[in-house]
Amino acid sequence: MTDTEDDPFPPQGVDLDRPSVARVYDWYLGGTANWAIDREFGERAVSMFPLLRPIAMSNRLFLHRMVRHLVRLGVRQFVDIGAGVPTMGNTHQVADEVAPDSRVVYIDNEPVAVAHSQVLLEENGDPDRHAVINADLRNPDRLWQRVIETGVIDTEQPIALMFIAVLHVLQFDADGVDITHRAMARYRELLPAGSYLAISHGTADGVPDDIAEQLAELKRMYDTSSSPVLWRPRDEIRKYFGDFELLPPGMSWSQSWHPEETGPNSPVIEFDQANQAVIWGGVGRKPPTR
C-alpha cells in the first residue's frame, strides 16, 4: 500500500488560490515564504487587529523560552508539530544554543513550510539530529511512525512534543467532525513517561472587551478565507494536557511564561496588559510509569 492509500490525510499540494495559515503566520513574523494572497490576507487582518503582529511574535518568543527551559531540565529531543515556515528563530537553533546534542523533528502538512524547513536544515542543520516530514496531526499513529522512521528520535527517552499556535486551527476528519481532543489523547498515550507536552493556543477568554471583538472578526476572516479557527476557553485548553502535571507557573499568557528564559537578542514585545497577548500556553510532564 502507498502512503496515500493507508493514510486518510495524505500530504496536501501547494494551494496558491487561498491564503495559508502557515504562510500568513510567516508574514506576521516578518518572513518571506509567503505569496501575494497571504500578504493581502495578513494586511487586512493587521489593519483590523493592529496587535496581531506583536501577538504572533510574543507567541514565537514563548516557543524560544519553552525550548530553553526544557533543555535546562535535561530534555534533548523535540518534536515540533505544525512547525510552520522556519522564521524568527527555529526550535533546533534555540536548542543548539544551550545543548548542541539536541535532536529535533519538524512536522507540517503545508508543502511550502516543509520545503523551506528542508532548505534551512540543509544549510545549517545536522542530518543525524534534525529532520522534517510532511504529515498530518489528525493521524497520530501514522505521524508517530514517520517520526520514528527519521531515526532522529529515541522513543524510549523523554520527548518534548510541541503544539505551538496550531490547535486553534480546527482539525476535521472526513466527516467534518473536529477530532482535536481525540488526537491529543492519542499523542499523550504515545509519549514515553517523563516526556513533556507544550501547547500555546489563542483564546478570547479573559481578554479585554475590545480585543474579544477583534478576535471574533479575525475568526470570521479565517473561517471564510483560510482555515476555520476556534478560540477555545482556557479550561478547555487545559484539558489537552490530560493528567500531565503542569510545570510552574502553570498556564499563563505567552509573555508571562518564564520570562527569565528570554534570549539576550530577542525583540522586546510589551503589552499594556498581559491578557492582550491572547495566547494561552503552558507545558505539562507525563507522569512516570507506575
Protein backbone atom coordinates (compact mmCIF):
# COMPACT_ATOMS: atom_id res chain seq x y z
CA MET A 1 0.00 0.00 0.00
CA THR A 2 1.17 3.53 -0.73
CA ASP A 3 1.20 6.31 1.83
CA THR A 4 -1.83 7.84 0.11
CA GLU A 5 -3.78 4.58 0.34
CA ASP A 6 -3.17 3.89 4.02
CA ASP A 7 -3.22 7.50 5.22
CA PRO A 8 -6.67 9.16 5.46
CA PHE A 9 -4.94 12.56 5.42
CA PRO A 10 -2.35 12.41 2.59
CA PRO A 11 0.05 15.35 2.12
CA GLN A 12 -1.65 18.33 0.54
CA GLY A 13 -0.42 20.16 -2.53
CA VAL A 14 0.59 23.79 -2.74
CA ASP A 15 -2.55 25.94 -2.88
CA LEU A 16 -1.90 29.48 -4.06
CA ASP A 17 -5.58 30.27 -4.58
CA ARG A 18 -6.26 30.66 -0.85
CA PRO A 19 -4.18 32.10 1.98
CA SER A 20 -2.31 29.51 4.04
CA VAL A 21 -2.28 29.60 7.84
CA ALA A 22 1.44 28.79 7.88
CA ARG A 23 2.39 31.32 5.21
CA VAL A 24 0.27 34.11 6.73
CA TYR A 25 1.86 33.44 10.11
CA ASP A 26 5.26 33.64 8.43
CA TRP A 27 4.26 37.08 7.11
CA TYR A 28 3.17 38.19 10.60
CA LEU A 29 6.66 37.29 11.83
CA GLY A 30 8.41 39.19 9.04
CA GLY A 31 9.30 36.15 6.93
CA THR A 32 9.45 35.92 3.16
CA ALA A 33 7.96 32.46 2.47
CA ASN A 34 4.57 33.86 1.51
CA TRP A 35 2.66 34.88 -1.59
CA ALA A 36 0.58 37.91 -2.53
CA ILE A 37 -2.62 36.20 -1.42
CA ASP A 38 -1.11 35.54 2.02
CA ARG A 39 0.16 39.10 2.35
CA GLU A 40 -3.19 40.55 1.30
CA PHE A 41 -4.95 38.48 3.96
CA GLY A 42 -2.34 39.41 6.56
CA GLU A 43 -2.58 43.11 5.76
CA ARG A 44 -6.37 43.04 6.14
CA ALA A 45 -6.04 41.14 9.43
CA VAL A 46 -3.44 43.53 10.87
CA SER A 47 -5.43 46.55 9.71
CA MET A 48 -8.42 45.23 11.63
CA PHE A 49 -6.38 43.95 14.61
CA PRO A 50 -3.16 46.00 14.99
CA LEU A 51 -1.87 43.91 17.92
CA LEU A 52 -1.80 40.79 15.76
CA ARG A 53 1.86 41.02 14.81
CA PRO A 54 3.07 41.61 18.39
CA ILE A 55 0.84 38.71 19.48
CA ALA A 56 2.43 36.41 16.89
CA MET A 57 5.93 37.50 17.90
CA SER A 58 5.14 37.02 21.60
CA ASN A 59 3.97 33.50 20.82
CA ARG A 60 7.22 32.81 18.97
CA LEU A 61 9.19 34.03 21.96
CA PHE A 62 7.13 31.66 24.14
CA LEU A 63 8.47 28.84 21.94
CA HIS A 64 12.03 30.09 22.44
CA ARG A 65 11.68 30.29 26.23
CA MET A 66 9.97 26.93 26.43
CA VAL A 67 12.76 25.23 24.48
CA ARG A 68 15.47 26.84 26.61
CA HIS A 69 13.68 25.90 29.82
CA LEU A 70 13.20 22.27 28.83
CA VAL A 71 16.79 21.94 27.67
CA ARG A 72 17.87 23.13 31.12
CA LEU A 73 15.64 20.41 32.59
CA GLY A 74 17.55 17.83 30.58
CA VAL A 75 15.33 17.44 27.52
CA ARG A 76 17.28 16.71 24.34
CA GLN A 77 14.50 15.64 21.96
CA PHE A 78 11.85 17.89 20.41
CA VAL A 79 9.01 17.03 18.02
CA ASP A 80 7.50 20.26 16.67
CA ILE A 81 4.05 19.56 15.16
CA GLY A 82 2.58 22.26 12.97
CA ALA A 83 6.00 23.90 12.93
CA GLY A 84 5.09 26.15 10.02
CA VAL A 85 7.55 28.11 7.92
CA PRO A 86 11.00 28.48 9.52
CA THR A 87 11.39 32.09 10.62
CA MET A 88 12.36 34.18 13.67
CA GLY A 89 14.40 31.51 15.43
CA ASN A 90 13.61 27.83 14.99
CA THR A 91 13.39 25.08 17.57
CA HIS A 92 16.70 23.44 16.65
CA GLN A 93 18.55 26.76 16.57
CA VAL A 94 17.33 27.73 20.03
CA ALA A 95 18.00 24.24 21.45
CA ASP A 96 21.50 24.12 19.95
CA GLU A 97 22.40 27.37 21.70
CA VAL A 98 22.12 25.55 25.03
CA ALA A 99 22.59 21.91 24.08
CA PRO A 100 24.43 21.13 20.83
CA ASP A 101 23.46 17.47 21.18
CA SER A 102 19.70 18.15 20.98
CA ARG A 103 17.53 16.49 18.35
CA VAL A 104 14.52 17.98 16.53
CA VAL A 105 11.91 16.72 14.09
CA TYR A 106 9.71 19.31 12.40
CA ILE A 107 6.28 18.34 11.11
CA ASP A 108 3.81 20.22 8.94
CA ASN A 109 1.32 19.41 6.20
CA GLU A 110 1.88 22.68 4.32
CA PRO A 111 4.26 21.91 1.43
CA VAL A 112 5.88 25.36 1.43
CA ALA A 113 6.62 25.10 5.16
CA VAL A 114 8.15 21.66 4.70
CA ALA A 115 10.21 22.72 1.68
CA HIS A 116 11.62 25.79 3.44
CA SER A 117 12.41 23.72 6.53
CA GLN A 118 14.31 21.26 4.35
CA VAL A 119 16.35 24.08 2.83
CA LEU A 120 17.09 25.52 6.27
CA LEU A 121 18.26 22.15 7.60
CA GLU A 122 20.42 21.53 4.54
CA GLU A 123 22.12 24.88 5.14
CA ASN A 124 22.68 24.81 8.90
CA GLY A 125 21.30 21.56 10.26
CA ASP A 126 22.72 18.15 11.07
CA PRO A 127 21.02 15.23 9.28
CA ASP A 128 21.83 12.97 12.23
CA ARG A 129 19.98 15.27 14.63
CA HIS A 130 17.42 17.20 12.57
CA ALA A 131 14.65 16.17 10.20
CA VAL A 132 11.44 17.49 8.66
CA ILE A 133 8.47 15.45 7.49
CA ASN A 134 5.19 16.18 5.76
CA ALA A 135 2.49 14.64 7.95
CA ASP A 136 -0.93 15.46 9.37
CA LEU A 137 -1.53 15.81 13.10
CA ARG A 138 -5.02 14.30 12.66
CA ASN A 139 -3.40 10.89 12.21
CA PRO A 140 -1.25 10.48 15.35
CA ASP A 141 -0.17 6.88 14.76
CA ARG A 142 0.91 7.47 11.18
CA LEU A 143 2.69 10.69 12.15
CA TRP A 144 4.47 8.98 15.04
CA GLN A 145 5.62 6.19 12.74
CA ARG A 146 7.06 8.78 10.37
CA VAL A 147 8.90 10.38 13.30
CA ILE A 148 10.40 7.00 14.25
CA GLU A 149 11.43 6.38 10.63
CA THR A 150 13.62 9.51 10.62
CA GLY A 151 15.96 7.78 13.08
CA VAL A 152 16.41 11.11 14.88
CA ILE A 153 14.19 10.48 17.90
CA ASP A 154 14.62 7.75 20.52
CA THR A 155 11.09 6.94 21.68
CA GLU A 156 12.46 5.23 24.77
CA GLN A 157 13.71 8.57 26.09
CA PRO A 158 11.74 11.69 27.13
CA ILE A 159 10.48 13.86 24.29
CA ALA A 160 9.13 17.40 24.21
CA LEU A 161 6.07 17.33 21.95
CA MET A 162 5.14 20.81 20.77
CA PHE A 163 1.84 22.22 19.51
CA ILE A 164 2.60 25.93 19.25
CA ALA A 165 -0.28 28.08 17.94
CA VAL A 166 -1.67 25.19 15.91
CA LEU A 167 -4.55 23.65 17.89
CA HIS A 168 -6.86 26.64 17.46
CA VAL A 169 -6.99 25.67 13.78
CA LEU A 170 -9.87 23.19 13.65
CA GLN A 171 -8.87 19.63 12.74
CA PHE A 172 -11.72 17.98 10.85
CA ASP A 173 -11.98 14.32 9.93
CA ALA A 174 -13.51 13.05 6.68
CA ASP A 175 -16.99 13.57 8.15
CA GLY A 176 -16.34 17.19 9.08
CA VAL A 177 -16.02 16.46 12.82
CA ASP A 178 -13.30 18.23 14.81
CA ILE A 179 -11.06 15.48 16.21
CA THR A 180 -8.56 17.62 18.10
CA HIS A 181 -9.38 16.22 21.56
CA ARG A 182 -9.26 12.63 20.30
CA ALA A 183 -5.94 13.20 18.53
CA MET A 184 -4.40 14.86 21.58
CA ALA A 185 -5.44 11.97 23.80
CA ARG A 186 -3.60 9.61 21.47
CA TYR A 187 -0.47 11.79 21.43
CA ARG A 188 -0.42 11.69 25.23
CA GLU A 189 -0.53 7.89 25.06
CA LEU A 190 2.30 7.72 22.51
CA LEU A 191 4.71 9.83 24.55
CA PRO A 192 7.12 7.92 26.79
CA ALA A 193 6.91 8.53 30.53
CA GLY A 194 8.74 11.63 31.69
CA SER A 195 8.06 13.44 28.41
CA TYR A 196 6.68 16.94 28.04
CA LEU A 197 3.76 18.42 26.15
CA ALA A 198 3.98 22.11 25.19
CA ILE A 199 0.90 23.97 23.97
CA SER A 200 0.06 27.54 23.05
CA HIS A 201 -3.45 28.38 21.90
CA GLY A 202 -5.41 31.52 21.07
CA THR A 203 -8.27 32.37 23.40
CA ALA A 204 -10.88 35.12 23.78
CA ASP A 205 -11.41 34.04 27.38
CA GLY A 206 -10.27 36.69 29.84
CA VAL A 207 -9.11 39.23 27.24
CA PRO A 208 -10.20 42.90 27.15
CA ASP A 209 -13.61 43.50 25.54
CA ASP A 210 -12.23 45.38 22.54
CA ILE A 211 -9.78 42.57 21.80
CA ALA A 212 -12.55 39.97 22.15
CA GLU A 213 -14.45 41.84 19.44
CA GLN A 214 -11.38 41.92 17.21
CA LEU A 215 -10.80 38.19 17.77
CA ALA A 216 -14.39 37.50 16.71
CA GLU A 217 -13.80 39.42 13.48
CA LEU A 218 -10.47 37.66 12.95
CA LYS A 219 -12.21 34.30 13.36
CA ARG A 220 -14.72 35.27 10.67
CA MET A 221 -11.84 36.19 8.35
CA TYR A 222 -10.09 32.85 8.86
CA ASP A 223 -13.32 30.86 8.62
CA THR A 224 -14.20 32.37 5.22
CA SER A 225 -10.78 32.92 3.67
CA SER A 226 -8.49 30.26 5.05
CA SER A 227 -8.75 27.54 7.70
CA PRO A 228 -11.52 27.66 10.34
CA VAL A 229 -10.32 28.52 13.83
CA LEU A 230 -11.73 28.32 17.33
CA TRP A 231 -10.54 30.46 20.25
CA ARG A 232 -11.24 27.91 22.97
CA PRO A 233 -11.81 28.82 26.65
CA ARG A 234 -8.79 28.43 28.90
CA ASP A 235 -10.32 25.49 30.82
CA GLU A 236 -10.79 23.60 27.56
CA ILE A 237 -7.20 24.25 26.51
CA ARG A 238 -6.08 22.87 29.87
CA LYS A 239 -7.85 19.58 29.08
CA TYR A 240 -5.40 18.88 26.26
CA PHE A 241 -2.83 18.10 28.95
CA GLY A 242 -4.94 15.31 30.45
CA ASP A 243 -3.29 14.10 33.67
CA PHE A 244 0.07 15.65 32.81
CA GLU A 245 1.45 17.79 35.63
CA LEU A 246 1.87 21.40 34.58
CA LEU A 247 5.27 22.93 35.14
CA PRO A 248 5.32 26.13 37.19
CA PRO A 249 3.85 28.68 36.69
CA GLY A 250 1.12 26.57 35.09
CA MET A 251 -0.86 28.01 32.20
CA SER A 252 -0.23 31.68 31.52
CA TRP A 253 -0.28 34.38 28.86
CA SER A 254 2.52 33.86 26.36
CA GLN A 255 4.90 36.59 27.53
CA SER A 256 4.42 35.69 31.20
CA TRP A 257 5.76 32.11 30.98
CA HIS A 258 9.33 32.02 32.34
CA PRO A 259 10.37 35.49 31.18
CA GLU A 260 13.84 34.84 32.60
CA GLU A 261 14.43 32.46 29.67
CA THR A 262 14.16 35.30 27.15
CA GLY A 263 17.27 35.44 24.96
CA PRO A 264 19.57 38.47 25.11
CA ASN A 265 18.95 39.31 21.43
CA SER A 266 15.19 38.73 21.47
CA PRO A 267 12.91 41.56 20.35
CA VAL A 268 11.11 43.33 23.17
CA ILE A 269 7.34 42.79 22.98
CA GLU A 270 5.30 44.74 25.51
CA PHE A 271 1.56 44.84 26.12
CA ASP A 272 -0.29 47.30 28.32
CA GLN A 273 -1.96 44.29 29.96
CA ALA A 274 -0.75 40.68 29.97
CA ASN A 275 -4.10 39.43 28.62
CA GLN A 276 -3.64 41.43 25.42
CA ALA A 277 -1.31 38.62 24.31
CA VAL A 278 -4.41 36.39 23.74
CA ILE A 279 -2.15 33.32 23.54
CA TRP A 280 -2.56 30.97 26.50
CA GLY A 281 0.19 28.43 26.97
CA GLY A 282 1.98 26.02 29.21
CA VAL A 283 3.99 22.81 29.48
CA GLY A 284 2.95 19.55 31.13
CA ARG A 285 5.01 16.49 32.10
CA LYS A 286 3.81 12.94 31.64
CA PRO A 287 3.86 11.08 34.95
CA PRO A 288 6.48 8.34 35.41
CA THR A 289 5.32 4.81 34.74
CA ARG A 290 3.81 3.34 37.87
